[in-house]
Amino acid sequence: MRLDKYLSEQLVDYSRSQIQAMVQDGKVMIDGRKEKSSYRLQGSEAIVVDPAQSKTSPVINEPQDIPMSIVYEDDAILVIDKQPGLVVHPGTGVKDNTLVNGLMFYTSALSDINGPTRMGIVHRLDRDTSGVMVIAKTNLAHRKIAEQFENKQVTKTYIGLTWGIWTENEGLIDEPIKRKRSDPTSFTVDETGRKSTTGYKVEEAWRYISNVRFYPKTGRTHQIRVHAAHMGHPIVADQKYGGGENRTKGFLPEVTKELHQILTILERHALHATSLEFVHPETAKTVSFQAPLPQDFNDSITLLNEKYG
């Protein structure tokens, strides 16, 4: 296990980025020596941490009244339809106005396995990805659902608008993903990366844009966005992975104008988590939850049908 990952599980009052800062500050010693955050532990090392002398300090969450769309709730779990633009939990550069802040305002029953900055959070969606998420209200529920994610027993379905017409209407993208060295906030397909697989099926195709259903088998950060871009069909309006305004250029002026309208409607990358299926941690029965397409998706599809249907 990586040093920073191990410490983040032990020092629950600190975020991953704060722990990495401690390591960089020289406040973490492994068998009396300094190591990088990426150092792989063998299991027999003596680790000494001195957080009191570090430049970092723990993040303290405050409950905030943030609108949430509740899909389902019982004593063990809470299922929401996350709106685009909402960051899931505090982290680098984000201290509040996150989903966690909203959850703490809504209920005091949240798992705390991952510390105060990630209360209830079992899995994440990117800030601008909308759709269904499950929140753990108890630590037992958290462990059971997290285990299903780890063992790839959770069925996840996303809908995305992508650029271009796919050669094959369905298939499996099996390409490893790795963080970019030149930009640590981005990821790329790399043979030395972690195994990542995404199934896909084209639901509808217009002249310049396709509506694709994605079935990620693994759960890497930005996985669908990276895989779609690697196939030459980045998610519409995904500026980070080549799906932004530059994709509207090079066409006839009237076509460019129409495609630009789509970006104006969306104002975020066009990816939506439409369904989530897993075994309920208390009843042991398979449950499935859906989040309908948001308005910006429906408006974009309506326009595409009008222009190219």
Foldseek 3Di string as FASTA:
>chain_A
DFQLVVVLQVVLQADSVLSQQQLVVVQKAWQRHRDHRRDDDPPPTDIGGDVVPGPDDGQAAAADQDDWAWQDDDQWKTKTWFAAQAAAWDDVPRRDRHVLSPVVNVDVQFAASSHRRRTQALDGDHRGATGMDMGTRYNLQSVVVNVCLVVLVKKWKKKFKWWDDAPDQWDKQWFFKDQDPVDNVDIEGDNPHHTWMKIKGFPDDFHTITIMMIITSHRDVCRVQRSCLVSVIGFACAPVSPRRLVSLPDDPPVSSVLSVVLCVLSVGGGMYTAKMWDQRSPPRHIDMTGDDDDPSVVVSVVSRVVVTD
